[in-house]
Structures are given as C-alpha cells and as structure tokens.
Amino acid sequence: MRTLLVVLWLLLAGITPATASVQVFIGINLPVYPQLVRVPGYPVYYAPRVAGNFFFYDGLYWVFYDDDWYVSSWYNGPWTLVAPLAVPVFILRIPVRYYRDPPIYFRTWRREAPPRWREHWGDDWAEHRRGWDRWDRRAAPPPAPLPIYQRRYSGDRYPRDIHEQRNLSGEHYRYRPRDATAREFLPPPAPPRMRGPDREEREATRRERPPRTIEQDRPRSAPDAPVQRRTERMQTEPRQMEPRQREPRQMEPRRMEPAREQRMQERDMRDRQMGGPRMEERAPQGRGGDAQPQRRKQPQQEEERGRRGRNEQQMER
C-alpha cells in the first residue's frame, strides 16, 4: 500500500507542480501568532507551544500531520499538501525530538537523528532523494527572517482568502526562498510604489512641517555659502571676548582756515588805525557776551574825545 502511494506521488510529480493545488484545513487552529524557537544548528524554527508538528523554514510554515507534509505562507493556513519528493531536505533533517506530536512509529527512533523516511516512504522514494541525510553542518544556510508582521492579523482580522494572503505577503515580506517548492507558494515582493503621495499624505506632511521663514525662502547665491557657514559656526561655538586695549587719544590743536585767519588780521589792522582796542584785548564773542554793546560805546568815546580836544584848542587861542 505504501509503495502504491509513492508511485501515485511520482505520477503526480511528473504532470503537476510539486504541491497539490487544493488548500485544506487540518487539525491545527492557531488564534494568534505562535512562538517560534530555532532548532540549534538548523535553518529551521519549531513551535514548542503548539500541539502539533509545526515548523518554519525558508519563509513558509510546514506541518507534519497525518503522515503527510503541508505548507502555508500564513501561520493558520489554509494548508497545501506537499508531495514526498518535493519536501525540502532541511525539513526532512529535523531531529525527532522537535516533533511535538510525533507518530507512534517515531518513538522507537533516535531523538537526535531525523526520522527514517526510507522506512516510511519506501525504497522508490529513497532512490529519488539519495543523499538527503548527508550534509556539512558548517555549510548550513542562515535561517529566513520570521514574518512578524503577521502578529497584527489574529482572530477576526486573520485573512482567510488566499489572494489576500498573497497580497499582504508580497507587501510586507521581502525575503525570497531558496527552495524551488517554497518559491511556488511565497509571492515575490511587491514593487515599490511609484505614484506620488495622495492629498491626505501631503496635508499630513504639511501640518507636521514647521513654517518656513523669509530667510529660508530667499534664494542664496554661491558667494553667500561661506558667509552662511561662518555665521552658523559663530552661533554654535562659544564666543571668546578678548580685552580691547584702547590707545590714548591725542588732542591736536585746532587750526583756523587761511581765509578766515586773513580776514581777522585785516580787521585787527583797521581797529588799530582807528584807535580802537587791539585784537588780543577784545572780549570773546559768544551768545551771551557783551560784544555788541562794546561796539556801540566806541563811537561815543571817540566823539567825546574829539570834542574835548577842540575845547582845549579854543582856550589856547
């Protein structure tokens, strides 16, 4: 019976993809994203708190249920049946001890070794999967990143439609699988959005952006760049004030204009000829000085002096 089943899988593998196209719901129902722990030395994670054989490898979830392997891109299915010839080698190499609900015939096998898949699927399968249990542990690939974005989708928010799951995976998960079987189920990442921001995004950005000042809106020329950098450096660096040494100020003698000095000399000579006071004997002229009354007294003195001289001449005669 087991040989007949393997032959049937070989026929299906020759005419169809490596996995069946029917999505089914198996006996695993996870209301929230499970806790995943890495298997030491393997690029595989297992779920220690899930009541089933639940694994994560190469960007996909793998479940061994009812002697068959199932795969899904989301942690709670729906699940797709995988042909025995298409199961990745690192899934086959998982030690028995990390199966949380192993079949009865697993319990007699070594816990640190992988299951004896040749006894389970027969010699025909082993002939096609020769060398699956021989590998260099030092050359093991790194594990794929966990799709933790799926934590936001639990309960009623969990996407049940396969197309919605593929769209969300392509939008949030950028990892590309190495295994050919995994690439069939994990969609390629969505291309980056090329359109510009819509109206709501532009308004939100405008509200968060501080208002621009007049100095920021004014265009700057190339020569202003060093001045701007020097100004910014002066604003950020502490300014050190040096004591300024003030030189003693020397008072220079005030010099009179040549033309004015000549006029003053001519006026002084006329005053001497008329018998008036000399230049150096004059009272200083100012706003509240007596220069004007003194000029009014000079003609009277001269007239009185002249009258006194005439009287003396008449008396001598």
Protein backbone atom coordinates (compact mmCIF):
# COMPACT_ATOMS: atom_id res chain seq x y z
CA MET A 1 0.00 0.00 0.00
CA ARG A 2 2.82 2.39 0.86
CA THR A 3 4.58 1.56 -2.43
CA LEU A 4 1.39 2.26 -4.35
CA LEU A 5 1.09 5.63 -2.65
CA VAL A 6 4.66 6.56 -3.57
CA VAL A 7 4.06 5.55 -7.19
CA LEU A 8 0.98 7.76 -7.23
CA TRP A 9 3.03 10.68 -5.91
CA LEU A 10 5.65 10.09 -8.58
CA LEU A 11 2.97 10.25 -11.27
CA LEU A 12 1.57 13.45 -9.80
CA ALA A 13 5.03 14.98 -9.58
CA GLY A 14 5.55 14.31 -13.28
CA ILE A 15 2.39 16.04 -14.51
CA THR A 16 1.64 18.67 -11.86
CA PRO A 17 3.62 21.09 -9.70
CA ALA A 18 5.43 19.79 -6.66
CA THR A 19 2.44 20.60 -4.45
CA ALA A 20 -1.22 19.91 -4.81
CA SER A 21 -3.41 22.85 -5.77
CA VAL A 22 -6.10 22.21 -3.14
CA GLN A 23 -5.95 24.18 0.13
CA VAL A 24 -7.31 22.30 3.13
CA PHE A 25 -7.80 22.96 6.86
CA ILE A 26 -6.08 20.42 9.09
CA GLY A 27 -6.28 19.80 12.82
CA ILE A 28 -4.20 22.85 13.78
CA ASN A 29 -6.07 26.03 14.71
CA LEU A 30 -3.93 28.93 15.95
CA PRO A 31 -5.85 32.02 17.12
CA VAL A 32 -2.65 34.12 17.43
CA TYR A 33 0.83 34.17 16.00
CA PRO A 34 2.80 31.30 17.60
CA GLN A 35 6.09 31.45 19.46
CA LEU A 36 8.89 30.12 17.25
CA VAL A 37 12.27 28.88 18.50
CA ARG A 38 15.19 28.00 16.29
CA VAL A 39 16.40 24.41 16.11
CA PRO A 40 20.11 24.55 17.13
CA GLY A 41 22.38 24.17 14.11
CA TYR A 42 19.49 24.13 11.60
CA PRO A 43 17.92 26.92 9.50
CA VAL A 44 14.56 25.82 10.90
CA TYR A 45 12.23 27.09 13.66
CA TYR A 46 9.76 24.98 15.64
CA ALA A 47 6.78 25.93 17.80
CA PRO A 48 7.20 24.41 21.30
CA ARG A 49 3.74 25.54 22.49
CA VAL A 50 1.74 24.24 19.53
CA ALA A 51 0.11 20.84 19.94
CA GLY A 52 1.41 19.60 16.62
CA ASN A 53 4.49 19.26 14.43
CA PHE A 54 4.75 22.91 13.45
CA PHE A 55 7.88 24.33 11.75
CA PHE A 56 9.04 27.41 9.87
CA TYR A 57 11.63 27.19 7.10
CA ASP A 58 12.63 29.25 4.06
CA GLY A 59 9.85 31.82 4.57
CA LEU A 60 7.00 29.27 4.91
CA TYR A 61 5.23 27.27 7.61
CA TRP A 62 5.47 23.46 7.44
CA VAL A 63 3.26 20.98 9.32
CA PHE A 64 3.60 17.23 9.50
CA TYR A 65 0.05 16.00 10.01
CA ASP A 66 -1.43 12.52 9.46
CA ASP A 67 1.82 11.18 7.87
CA ASP A 68 1.94 13.96 5.28
CA TRP A 69 3.57 17.37 4.93
CA TYR A 70 1.58 20.58 4.45
CA VAL A 71 2.77 24.10 3.70
CA SER A 72 1.33 27.60 4.03
CA SER A 73 2.56 31.18 3.81
CA TRP A 74 0.44 32.12 6.88
CA TYR A 75 0.61 30.62 10.35
CA ASN A 76 -3.00 29.34 10.43
CA GLY A 77 -3.45 28.08 6.89
CA PRO A 78 -5.14 27.20 4.70
CA TRP A 79 -2.66 24.41 4.08
CA THR A 80 -1.49 22.76 0.88
CA LEU A 81 -0.43 19.13 0.61
CA VAL A 82 3.22 18.64 -0.42
CA ALA A 83 4.42 15.63 -2.39
CA PRO A 84 7.06 13.49 -0.55
CA LEU A 85 9.53 14.07 -3.39
CA ALA A 86 9.16 17.87 -3.03
CA VAL A 87 9.72 18.23 0.73
CA PRO A 88 12.88 20.35 1.31
CA VAL A 89 15.87 18.44 2.64
CA PHE A 90 16.22 20.60 5.78
CA ILE A 91 12.62 19.77 6.72
CA LEU A 92 13.49 16.08 6.35
CA ARG A 93 16.58 16.55 8.54
CA ILE A 94 14.76 17.94 11.61
CA PRO A 95 15.57 15.67 14.60
CA VAL A 96 12.77 13.59 16.08
CA ARG A 97 12.90 15.40 19.44
CA TYR A 98 11.46 18.62 17.91
CA TYR A 99 8.24 16.90 16.79
CA ARG A 100 5.72 17.91 19.47
CA ASP A 101 3.15 15.30 18.36
CA PRO A 102 5.17 12.51 16.69
CA PRO A 103 3.52 9.39 15.26
CA ILE A 104 3.80 6.18 17.24
CA TYR A 105 6.49 4.69 15.00
CA PHE A 106 8.70 7.76 15.60
CA ARG A 107 9.09 6.92 19.28
CA THR A 108 11.41 3.99 18.68
CA TRP A 109 13.86 6.08 16.66
CA ARG A 110 16.77 8.15 17.94
CA ARG A 111 15.66 11.55 19.22
CA GLU A 112 18.77 13.36 18.00
CA ALA A 113 18.52 11.88 14.46
CA PRO A 114 16.00 12.69 11.70
CA PRO A 115 13.07 10.32 11.06
CA ARG A 116 13.71 7.22 8.94
CA TRP A 117 11.91 8.43 5.88
CA ARG A 118 13.07 5.47 3.81
CA GLU A 119 11.09 3.13 6.06
CA HIS A 120 8.13 5.48 5.85
CA TRP A 121 8.02 6.11 2.07
CA GLY A 122 9.92 3.09 0.73
CA ASP A 123 12.91 2.40 -1.49
CA ASP A 124 11.48 4.17 -4.54
CA TRP A 125 11.39 7.44 -2.63
CA ALA A 126 14.90 6.89 -1.25
CA GLU A 127 16.19 6.27 -4.77
CA HIS A 128 15.00 9.71 -5.89
CA ARG A 129 16.09 11.51 -2.66
CA ARG A 130 19.50 9.93 -2.34
CA GLY A 131 21.89 11.80 -0.03
CA TRP A 132 19.22 13.80 1.83
CA ASP A 133 20.65 12.77 5.24
CA ARG A 134 24.30 13.63 4.43
CA TRP A 135 25.32 17.28 4.73
CA ASP A 136 28.00 19.54 6.14
CA ARG A 137 26.64 21.23 9.26
CA ARG A 138 29.19 24.04 8.88
CA ALA A 139 27.72 24.95 5.48
CA ALA A 140 24.13 25.29 6.69
CA PRO A 141 22.40 28.40 5.29
CA PRO A 142 21.17 31.09 7.68
CA PRO A 143 17.50 30.94 8.68
CA ALA A 144 14.97 33.07 6.90
CA PRO A 145 13.60 36.08 8.82
CA LEU A 146 10.35 35.50 10.65
CA PRO A 147 7.29 37.23 9.16
CA ILE A 148 6.42 39.02 12.39
CA TYR A 149 4.10 41.39 10.53
CA GLN A 150 1.50 38.61 10.80
CA ARG A 151 1.16 39.30 14.53
CA ARG A 152 -1.19 42.14 13.66
CA TYR A 153 -3.58 39.70 11.99
CA SER A 154 -5.25 37.48 14.56
CA GLY A 155 -8.80 36.43 15.36
CA ASP A 156 -11.31 38.14 13.11
CA ARG A 157 -8.57 40.07 11.34
CA TYR A 158 -6.88 36.91 10.05
CA PRO A 159 -7.09 36.81 6.21
CA ARG A 160 -8.76 33.61 5.06
CA ASP A 161 -8.70 34.36 1.36
CA ILE A 162 -5.59 33.02 -0.38
CA HIS A 163 -5.35 36.05 -2.68
CA GLU A 164 -5.46 38.47 0.25
CA GLN A 165 -2.73 36.49 1.97
CA ARG A 166 -0.52 36.63 -1.10
CA ASN A 167 -1.03 40.40 -1.44
CA LEU A 168 -0.14 41.03 2.20
CA SER A 169 2.91 38.76 1.99
CA GLY A 170 4.14 40.48 -1.15
CA GLU A 171 3.70 43.89 0.50
CA HIS A 172 5.29 43.19 3.93
CA TYR A 173 7.73 40.31 3.41
CA ARG A 174 10.84 40.89 1.26
CA TYR A 175 12.54 37.51 1.64
CA ARG A 176 12.91 35.28 -1.40
CA PRO A 177 13.07 31.48 -0.75
CA ARG A 178 16.00 29.32 -1.85
CA ASP A 179 13.97 26.14 -2.29
CA ALA A 180 12.02 25.69 -5.54
CA THR A 181 8.97 24.36 -3.69
CA ALA A 182 8.91 27.37 -1.37
CA ARG A 183 9.12 29.80 -4.28
CA GLU A 184 5.87 28.40 -5.65
CA PHE A 185 3.96 29.45 -2.52
CA LEU A 186 5.64 32.65 -1.41
CA PRO A 187 4.78 35.51 -3.79
CA PRO A 188 7.50 37.91 -4.91
CA PRO A 189 7.72 41.20 -3.04
CA ALA A 190 5.53 43.97 -4.34
CA PRO A 191 7.39 46.60 -6.39
CA PRO A 192 7.98 49.95 -4.69
CA ARG A 193 5.12 52.37 -5.05
CA MET A 194 5.92 54.80 -7.85
CA ARG A 195 2.97 57.14 -7.51
CA GLY A 196 3.28 60.37 -5.59
CA PRO A 197 1.67 60.97 -2.21
CA ASP A 198 -2.07 61.45 -2.25
CA ARG A 199 -3.87 64.51 -0.90
CA GLU A 200 -4.20 63.24 2.67
CA GLU A 201 -0.49 62.35 2.86
CA ARG A 202 0.50 65.77 1.54
CA GLU A 203 -1.71 67.55 4.06
CA ALA A 204 -0.34 65.45 6.93
CA THR A 205 3.22 66.23 5.85
CA ARG A 206 2.40 69.93 5.57
CA ARG A 207 0.94 70.00 9.08
CA GLU A 208 4.00 68.34 10.58
CA ARG A 209 6.48 70.56 8.73
CA PRO A 210 7.41 73.82 10.56
CA PRO A 211 6.63 77.08 8.72
CA ARG A 212 9.42 78.47 6.59
CA THR A 213 10.91 81.86 7.31
CA ILE A 214 11.73 84.65 4.88
CA GLU A 215 15.44 83.88 5.13
CA GLN A 216 14.81 80.25 4.14
CA ASP A 217 12.68 81.24 1.13
CA ARG A 218 15.23 83.79 -0.15
CA PRO A 219 17.50 82.27 -2.85
CA ARG A 220 21.13 82.17 -1.93
CA SER A 221 23.99 82.70 -4.31
CA ALA A 222 27.23 80.79 -4.27
CA PRO A 223 29.32 83.53 -2.56
CA ASP A 224 26.87 83.59 0.36
CA ALA A 225 27.63 79.98 1.28
CA PRO A 226 30.92 80.67 3.15
CA VAL A 227 29.29 83.59 4.95
CA GLN A 228 26.38 81.37 5.96
CA ARG A 229 28.72 78.66 7.25
CA ARG A 230 30.74 81.21 9.22
CA THR A 231 27.55 82.64 10.72
CA GLU A 232 26.30 79.19 11.75
CA ARG A 233 29.69 78.39 13.28
CA MET A 234 29.63 81.62 15.29
CA GLN A 235 26.15 80.78 16.55
CA THR A 236 27.08 77.28 17.67
CA GLU A 237 30.61 77.84 19.02
CA PRO A 238 31.11 79.80 22.24
CA ARG A 239 32.45 83.24 21.52
CA GLN A 240 35.55 84.32 23.41
CA MET A 241 35.86 88.06 24.02
CA GLU A 242 39.40 89.43 24.11
CA PRO A 243 40.12 92.54 26.18
CA ARG A 244 40.41 95.53 23.89
CA GLN A 245 43.30 97.85 24.53
CA ARG A 246 42.30 101.44 23.95
CA GLU A 247 45.08 103.75 22.85
CA PRO A 248 45.31 107.18 24.47
CA ARG A 249 43.71 109.84 22.30
CA GLN A 250 45.92 112.74 21.39
CA MET A 251 44.25 116.14 21.01
CA GLU A 252 45.54 118.01 18.03
CA PRO A 253 45.47 121.82 18.03
CA ARG A 254 42.56 123.25 16.15
CA ARG A 255 43.65 125.09 13.08
CA MET A 256 41.81 128.01 11.55
CA GLU A 257 41.14 128.26 7.86
CA PRO A 258 43.62 130.50 5.98
CA ALA A 259 40.94 132.79 4.53
CA ARG A 260 39.30 133.35 7.90
CA GLU A 261 42.65 133.99 9.56
CA GLN A 262 43.49 136.64 6.91
CA ARG A 263 40.14 138.39 7.45
CA MET A 264 40.76 138.52 11.18
CA GLN A 265 44.21 140.10 10.64
CA GLU A 266 42.78 142.78 8.30
CA ARG A 267 40.06 143.62 10.81
CA ASP A 268 42.67 143.94 13.58
CA MET A 269 44.74 146.39 11.47
CA ARG A 270 41.66 148.60 10.81
CA ASP A 271 40.87 148.72 14.52
CA ARG A 272 44.41 149.83 15.32
CA GLN A 273 44.30 152.62 12.73
CA MET A 274 41.01 153.92 14.14
CA GLY A 275 42.36 153.78 17.70
CA GLY A 276 40.11 151.00 18.83
CA PRO A 277 41.08 148.03 21.01
CA ARG A 278 43.54 145.56 19.69
CA MET A 279 42.54 142.09 18.65
CA GLU A 280 44.01 140.39 21.66
CA GLU A 281 42.23 142.84 24.05
CA ARG A 282 38.74 142.21 22.70
CA ALA A 283 36.23 140.38 24.81
CA PRO A 284 35.28 136.96 23.49
CA GLN A 285 32.19 136.91 21.33
CA GLY A 286 29.56 134.43 22.35
CA ARG A 287 25.89 134.03 22.54
CA GLY A 288 25.50 135.91 25.79
CA GLY A 289 28.65 138.08 25.51
CA ASP A 290 28.99 141.90 25.54
CA ALA A 291 30.50 142.24 22.12
CA GLN A 292 27.61 144.23 20.62
CA PRO A 293 27.23 146.81 23.48
CA GLN A 294 31.00 147.39 23.42
CA ARG A 295 30.86 148.17 19.71
CA ARG A 296 28.09 150.72 20.41
CA LYS A 297 30.23 152.55 23.09
CA GLN A 298 33.31 153.03 20.84
CA PRO A 299 31.86 155.85 18.59
CA GLN A 300 30.65 157.79 21.64
CA GLN A 301 34.10 157.71 23.26
CA GLU A 302 35.73 158.89 20.06
CA GLU A 303 33.23 161.74 19.67
CA GLU A 304 33.72 162.85 23.26
CA ARG A 305 37.50 162.68 22.92
CA GLY A 306 37.30 164.82 19.77
CA ARG A 307 35.08 167.44 21.47
CA ARG A 308 37.47 167.68 24.42
CA GLY A 309 40.39 168.29 22.05
CA ARG A 310 38.57 171.12 20.23
CA ASN A 311 37.75 172.88 23.51
CA GLU A 312 41.38 172.81 24.55
CA GLN A 313 42.45 174.41 21.25
CA GLN A 314 39.95 177.27 21.64
CA MET A 315 41.18 178.04 25.14
CA GLU A 316 44.75 178.30 23.97
CA ARG A 317 43.79 180.83 21.35
